[in-house]
Amino acid sequence: MPSGTVFNIQRYSLDDGPGIRTTVFLKGCPLRCIWCHNPEGMDPQPEILLSPSRCIACGRCRAGCAARGAGPISQECPAEDESPRCIRCGACARACPAEARRLVGRRMTAAEILAEIARDRVFHEGSGGGATFSGGEPLMQPQFLTALLAACREREIHTAIDTSGYVEPEALLAAAVCADLFLYDLKTLDDGRHRRFTGVSNRLILENLHALGQVHGNIWVRMPLLPGVNDAPADIEDVVRLAASIPGVRQVNLLPYHATGVAKFARLGKTYPGGNLVPPPAELVEQTAARLQGLGVPVISGG
């Protein structure tokens, strides 16, 4: 079976589709959202995730480094992972006794992932759950994803794809044949703001959503709410009205921004691009969802 690069498999997930789910995170993403909460999923290649507070400056990472470039990540010896000498092989992480370094991203076969999903089968069946493929952008590995979806369907495992929609139309429609549910992200309908805050135009995303809605009957549009970016009432209402106009959309989920990506950017040796974004009050999100009922599609706070 084909293989792909995965950076996490999360068990007992309650926010990636119906029921209890096993979420498989595939590496690689074409967007650069400033609020990204999975920055370790952006680069399609493995990366070293650092925990400087755990470093004991023992030097074993240097001794274990295949490129002889790594060093302790204390203030006296900055992370060598910023150097072009680093080949991201993970030898330094394996040598670190304090777990101050961790390799994020590994090749796995479809069979290996299916074995992991199958371990949670009893939870899936008892809750109406299944497997969700997220990222990053899972459709950046289209052949691998399609193989996983087909194998899950053979085993009668419910599947969901969490996608940005910024993908090749052919890959999206091929995946639609086997996927039971799409979790489709829409950030804003304003192309200028979309370019500013994600790095790409939303034109392909919107075209793909319209095309998907004609052939797939179970799409949840998910809108991350970001104060000062897309939380104006008119912005949210525009997204809901658009979603209601597309045949395959079953609901809209308003997802409040959270800051879990801040620490991850730091551990990758990168500056968090989201600046001073703060989560919106939960009651405000609930009030917004309640206000937008009646526009032709259910609007749900969270999920």
Protein backbone atom coordinates (compact mmCIF):
# COMPACT_ATOMS: atom_id res chain seq x y z
CA MET A 1 0.00 0.00 0.00
CA PRO A 2 1.19 3.59 -0.52
CA SER A 3 2.89 5.60 2.19
CA GLY A 4 2.76 9.23 3.29
CA THR A 5 4.13 11.64 5.88
CA VAL A 6 2.14 11.92 9.11
CA PHE A 7 2.90 14.17 12.07
CA ASN A 8 0.30 13.04 14.59
CA ILE A 9 -2.46 10.52 15.23
CA GLN A 10 -4.88 11.84 17.85
CA ARG A 11 -7.21 9.46 19.63
CA TYR A 12 -10.56 10.25 21.23
CA SER A 13 -11.01 13.42 19.21
CA LEU A 14 -14.38 15.14 19.74
CA ASP A 15 -14.02 18.19 17.48
CA ASP A 16 -13.23 16.71 14.07
CA GLY A 17 -16.63 15.42 12.99
CA PRO A 18 -19.43 13.39 14.58
CA GLY A 19 -18.83 11.00 17.46
CA ILE A 20 -15.48 9.89 18.86
CA ARG A 21 -12.86 10.01 16.14
CA THR A 22 -9.29 9.06 15.38
CA THR A 23 -7.70 12.06 13.66
CA VAL A 24 -4.72 11.46 11.37
CA PHE A 25 -2.68 14.60 10.64
CA LEU A 26 -0.88 14.59 7.29
CA LYS A 27 2.08 16.89 6.77
CA GLY A 28 2.22 19.75 4.28
CA CYS A 29 0.00 22.80 3.75
CA PRO A 30 -0.09 25.44 0.96
CA LEU A 31 -1.56 28.12 3.27
CA ARG A 32 0.28 30.26 5.80
CA CYS A 33 -2.55 31.35 8.09
CA ILE A 34 -1.25 33.76 10.73
CA TRP A 35 -3.32 32.00 13.42
CA CYS A 36 -2.27 28.44 12.49
CA HIS A 37 -2.51 26.09 15.48
CA ASN A 38 -0.63 23.25 13.74
CA PRO A 39 2.48 24.98 12.30
CA GLU A 40 4.34 21.66 12.45
CA GLY A 41 1.99 20.58 9.67
CA MET A 42 3.01 23.30 7.19
CA ASP A 43 6.30 21.89 5.89
CA PRO A 44 5.83 18.59 4.03
CA GLN A 45 9.19 17.37 5.35
CA PRO A 46 9.99 16.18 8.90
CA GLU A 47 11.05 18.87 11.37
CA ILE A 48 12.70 19.07 14.77
CA LEU A 49 10.43 20.39 17.52
CA LEU A 50 12.41 21.94 20.38
CA SER A 51 11.69 22.21 24.10
CA PRO A 52 14.50 24.48 25.37
CA SER A 53 13.36 24.29 28.99
CA ARG A 54 14.11 20.55 28.97
CA CYS A 55 17.64 20.90 27.59
CA ILE A 56 20.34 19.77 30.05
CA ALA A 57 23.21 20.81 27.73
CA CYS A 58 24.71 17.31 27.82
CA GLY A 59 25.90 17.41 24.21
CA ARG A 60 24.57 14.01 23.25
CA CYS A 61 22.55 15.54 20.42
CA ARG A 62 25.81 16.79 18.90
CA ALA A 63 27.41 13.38 19.19
CA GLY A 64 24.38 11.72 17.63
CA CYS A 65 23.91 14.24 14.82
CA ALA A 66 24.36 12.62 11.42
CA ALA A 67 25.40 15.95 9.93
CA ARG A 68 27.55 16.86 12.98
CA GLY A 69 25.65 20.11 13.18
CA ALA A 70 23.39 19.82 16.22
CA GLY A 71 24.15 21.22 19.61
CA PRO A 72 22.50 21.75 23.00
CA ILE A 73 19.59 24.19 22.77
CA SER A 74 20.53 26.24 25.80
CA GLN A 75 21.13 29.98 25.47
CA GLU A 76 24.86 29.31 25.25
CA CYS A 77 24.39 27.07 22.23
CA PRO A 78 21.45 28.02 19.97
CA ALA A 79 19.50 25.41 18.07
CA GLU A 80 21.42 24.14 15.09
CA ASP A 81 18.13 23.29 13.41
CA GLU A 82 18.20 26.77 11.92
CA SER A 83 21.42 25.82 10.09
CA PRO A 84 21.43 24.44 6.53
CA ARG A 85 23.59 21.62 7.86
CA CYS A 86 20.55 20.07 9.56
CA ILE A 87 19.16 17.25 7.42
CA ARG A 88 16.15 16.60 9.71
CA CYS A 89 17.01 12.96 10.18
CA GLY A 90 15.98 12.89 13.84
CA ALA A 91 19.25 11.42 15.13
CA CYS A 92 19.65 14.28 17.62
CA ALA A 93 16.12 13.69 18.95
CA ARG A 94 16.77 9.99 19.41
CA ALA A 95 20.00 10.75 21.27
CA CYS A 96 18.48 13.35 23.64
CA PRO A 97 17.84 11.83 27.09
CA ALA A 98 15.76 14.80 28.24
CA GLU A 99 13.38 14.77 25.24
CA ALA A 100 14.26 18.37 24.47
CA ARG A 101 14.12 17.52 20.78
CA ARG A 102 11.39 15.63 18.93
CA LEU A 103 11.18 14.68 15.30
CA VAL A 104 7.80 15.70 13.89
CA GLY A 105 6.76 13.81 10.78
CA ARG A 106 7.40 10.21 9.77
CA ARG A 107 6.65 8.01 6.82
CA MET A 108 3.84 5.56 7.43
CA THR A 109 2.13 3.10 5.14
CA ALA A 110 -1.62 3.09 4.71
CA ALA A 111 -1.66 -0.33 6.37
CA GLU A 112 0.10 1.03 9.45
CA ILE A 113 -2.39 3.88 9.78
CA LEU A 114 -5.36 1.58 9.30
CA ALA A 115 -4.03 -0.60 12.11
CA GLU A 116 -3.93 2.46 14.37
CA ILE A 117 -7.47 3.46 13.41
CA ALA A 118 -8.74 -0.06 13.98
CA ARG A 119 -7.59 0.07 17.61
CA ASP A 120 -10.35 2.65 18.24
CA ARG A 121 -13.09 0.81 16.38
CA VAL A 122 -15.13 0.11 19.50
CA PHE A 123 -15.28 3.86 20.27
CA HIS A 124 -16.22 4.70 16.70
CA GLU A 125 -19.06 2.22 16.58
CA GLY A 126 -20.46 3.16 19.98
CA SER A 127 -20.51 6.91 19.25
CA GLY A 128 -21.15 7.19 15.53
CA GLY A 129 -17.56 8.30 15.01
CA GLY A 130 -14.78 7.26 12.67
CA ALA A 131 -11.55 8.52 11.16
CA THR A 132 -10.78 12.12 10.21
CA PHE A 133 -7.89 13.06 7.94
CA SER A 134 -6.54 16.51 8.71
CA GLY A 135 -3.26 18.39 8.53
CA GLY A 136 -1.71 20.49 7.31
CA GLU A 137 -3.72 19.91 4.19
CA PRO A 138 -4.39 16.19 3.70
CA LEU A 139 -5.11 16.63 -0.01
CA MET A 140 -1.48 17.65 -0.55
CA GLN A 141 -0.90 13.87 -0.42
CA PRO A 142 -3.83 12.93 -2.69
CA GLN A 143 -2.90 9.37 -3.67
CA PHE A 144 -2.10 8.44 -0.09
CA LEU A 145 -5.31 10.02 1.19
CA THR A 146 -7.46 8.34 -1.47
CA ALA A 147 -5.95 4.96 -0.60
CA LEU A 148 -6.74 5.52 3.09
CA LEU A 149 -10.31 6.54 2.31
CA ALA A 150 -10.91 3.53 0.09
CA ALA A 151 -9.48 1.15 2.69
CA CYS A 152 -11.67 2.67 5.41
CA ARG A 153 -14.75 2.32 3.22
CA GLU A 154 -13.97 -1.36 2.66
CA ARG A 155 -13.89 -1.75 6.45
CA GLU A 156 -17.07 0.33 6.92
CA ILE A 157 -15.21 3.03 8.88
CA HIS A 158 -16.82 6.49 8.61
CA THR A 159 -14.38 9.03 7.15
CA ALA A 160 -14.07 12.81 7.19
CA ILE A 161 -11.63 15.12 5.40
CA ASP A 162 -10.67 18.41 7.06
CA THR A 163 -9.57 20.61 4.15
CA SER A 164 -8.75 24.23 3.38
CA GLY A 165 -10.17 23.74 -0.11
CA TYR A 166 -6.99 25.17 -1.65
CA VAL A 167 -6.24 21.99 -3.59
CA GLU A 168 -6.29 20.61 -7.11
CA PRO A 169 -9.95 20.19 -8.14
CA GLU A 170 -9.25 16.73 -9.53
CA ALA A 171 -7.82 15.56 -6.20
CA LEU A 172 -10.78 16.97 -4.29
CA LEU A 173 -13.38 15.33 -6.50
CA ALA A 174 -11.50 12.01 -6.50
CA ALA A 175 -11.51 12.01 -2.69
CA ALA A 176 -15.22 12.87 -2.68
CA VAL A 177 -16.00 9.42 -4.12
CA CYS A 178 -14.90 7.68 -0.90
CA ALA A 179 -15.22 10.31 1.86
CA ASP A 180 -18.36 10.35 4.01
CA LEU A 181 -17.96 13.94 5.25
CA PHE A 182 -16.06 17.09 4.35
CA LEU A 183 -15.06 19.65 6.99
CA TYR A 184 -14.49 22.61 4.67
CA ASP A 185 -12.77 25.73 6.01
CA LEU A 186 -13.87 29.19 4.91
CA LYS A 187 -11.98 32.08 6.46
CA THR A 188 -13.45 35.09 4.66
CA LEU A 189 -15.08 35.89 1.32
CA ASP A 190 -12.91 39.02 0.98
CA ASP A 191 -10.08 37.98 -1.34
CA GLY A 192 -7.78 40.80 -0.29
CA ARG A 193 -8.00 39.90 3.40
CA HIS A 194 -7.72 36.23 2.55
CA ARG A 195 -4.44 36.89 0.74
CA ARG A 196 -3.20 39.05 3.59
CA PHE A 197 -3.91 36.58 6.39
CA THR A 198 -3.39 33.20 4.66
CA GLY A 199 -0.94 33.99 1.87
CA VAL A 200 -3.24 32.78 -0.93
CA SER A 201 -6.32 33.86 -2.85
CA ASN A 202 -9.69 32.35 -1.92
CA ARG A 203 -10.80 32.04 -5.54
CA LEU A 204 -9.84 28.36 -5.92
CA ILE A 205 -11.31 27.58 -2.49
CA LEU A 206 -14.70 29.01 -3.45
CA GLU A 207 -14.69 27.36 -6.88
CA ASN A 208 -13.89 24.02 -5.28
CA LEU A 209 -16.64 24.40 -2.71
CA HIS A 210 -19.23 25.03 -5.43
CA ALA A 211 -17.98 22.03 -7.42
CA LEU A 212 -17.90 19.77 -4.36
CA GLY A 213 -21.41 20.80 -3.37
CA GLN A 214 -22.73 19.49 -6.68
CA VAL A 215 -21.38 15.96 -6.15
CA HIS A 216 -21.20 15.45 -2.38
CA GLY A 217 -24.13 15.69 0.00
CA ASN A 218 -22.43 16.02 3.40
CA ILE A 219 -20.30 19.15 3.82
CA TRP A 220 -19.80 21.10 7.02
CA VAL A 221 -18.46 24.60 6.40
CA ARG A 222 -16.22 25.64 9.27
CA MET A 223 -15.32 29.28 9.85
CA PRO A 224 -12.59 30.17 12.35
CA LEU A 225 -13.57 33.39 14.15
CA LEU A 226 -10.62 35.75 14.48
CA PRO A 227 -11.11 39.07 16.28
CA GLY A 228 -10.18 41.95 14.03
CA VAL A 229 -9.77 39.66 11.01
CA ASN A 230 -13.14 38.18 10.05
CA ASP A 231 -15.49 38.56 13.01
CA ALA A 232 -17.53 41.51 11.74
CA PRO A 233 -21.24 40.52 11.64
CA ALA A 234 -21.44 41.14 7.89
CA ASP A 235 -18.42 38.89 7.23
CA ILE A 236 -19.91 35.99 9.14
CA GLU A 237 -23.35 36.43 7.62
CA ASP A 238 -21.86 36.45 4.11
CA VAL A 239 -20.20 33.09 4.74
CA VAL A 240 -23.40 31.60 6.14
CA ARG A 241 -25.48 32.85 3.21
CA LEU A 242 -22.98 31.43 0.74
CA ALA A 243 -22.96 28.08 2.55
CA ALA A 244 -26.76 27.97 2.49
CA SER A 245 -26.73 28.44 -1.28
CA ILE A 246 -24.60 25.34 -1.93
CA PRO A 247 -26.60 22.08 -2.19
CA GLY A 248 -24.25 19.77 -0.31
CA VAL A 249 -23.67 21.97 2.75
CA ARG A 250 -25.44 20.64 5.84
CA GLN A 251 -24.27 23.09 8.53
CA VAL A 252 -21.89 25.93 9.39
CA ASN A 253 -19.62 25.68 12.43
CA LEU A 254 -18.23 28.85 14.00
CA LEU A 255 -14.86 27.97 15.54
CA PRO A 256 -13.45 30.51 18.03
CA TYR A 257 -9.75 31.27 17.66
CA HIS A 258 -7.45 29.67 20.20
CA ALA A 259 -3.79 30.34 20.85
CA THR A 260 -2.38 26.81 20.99
CA GLY A 261 -0.15 27.54 18.00
CA VAL A 262 1.89 30.19 19.83
CA ALA A 263 4.03 27.73 21.78
CA LYS A 264 4.39 25.45 18.76
CA PHE A 265 5.84 28.23 16.60
CA ALA A 266 8.38 28.92 19.36
CA ARG A 267 9.33 25.25 19.56
CA LEU A 268 9.97 25.28 15.80
CA GLY A 269 12.25 28.27 16.26
CA LYS A 270 9.79 30.56 14.47
CA THR A 271 8.02 33.79 15.38
CA TYR A 272 4.26 33.52 15.82
CA PRO A 273 2.71 35.62 13.01
CA GLY A 274 -0.64 36.07 14.77
CA GLY A 275 0.62 38.87 16.98
CA ASN A 276 -1.84 39.77 19.72
CA LEU A 277 -4.87 37.80 18.56
CA VAL A 278 -7.09 36.82 21.48
CA PRO A 279 -9.92 34.25 21.64
CA PRO A 280 -13.42 35.74 21.32
CA PRO A 281 -15.76 35.36 24.33
CA ALA A 282 -17.63 32.06 24.18
CA GLU A 283 -20.96 33.76 24.82
CA LEU A 284 -20.39 36.06 21.85
CA VAL A 285 -19.83 33.09 19.54
CA GLU A 286 -22.99 31.44 20.83
CA GLN A 287 -24.98 34.65 20.38
CA THR A 288 -23.67 35.01 16.84
CA ALA A 289 -24.66 31.45 15.98
CA ALA A 290 -28.14 32.00 17.43
CA ARG A 291 -28.58 35.26 15.49
CA LEU A 292 -27.79 33.59 12.17
CA GLN A 293 -30.32 30.78 12.41
CA GLY A 294 -32.97 30.93 9.75
CA LEU A 295 -30.66 31.76 6.85
CA GLY A 296 -31.17 28.35 5.30
CA VAL A 297 -28.56 26.23 7.08
CA PRO A 298 -27.97 25.40 10.78
CA VAL A 299 -25.25 27.50 12.43
CA ILE A 300 -23.42 25.86 15.32
CA SER A 301 -21.02 27.31 17.87
CA GLY A 302 -17.91 25.11 17.99
CA GLY A 303 -17.42 21.63 16.57
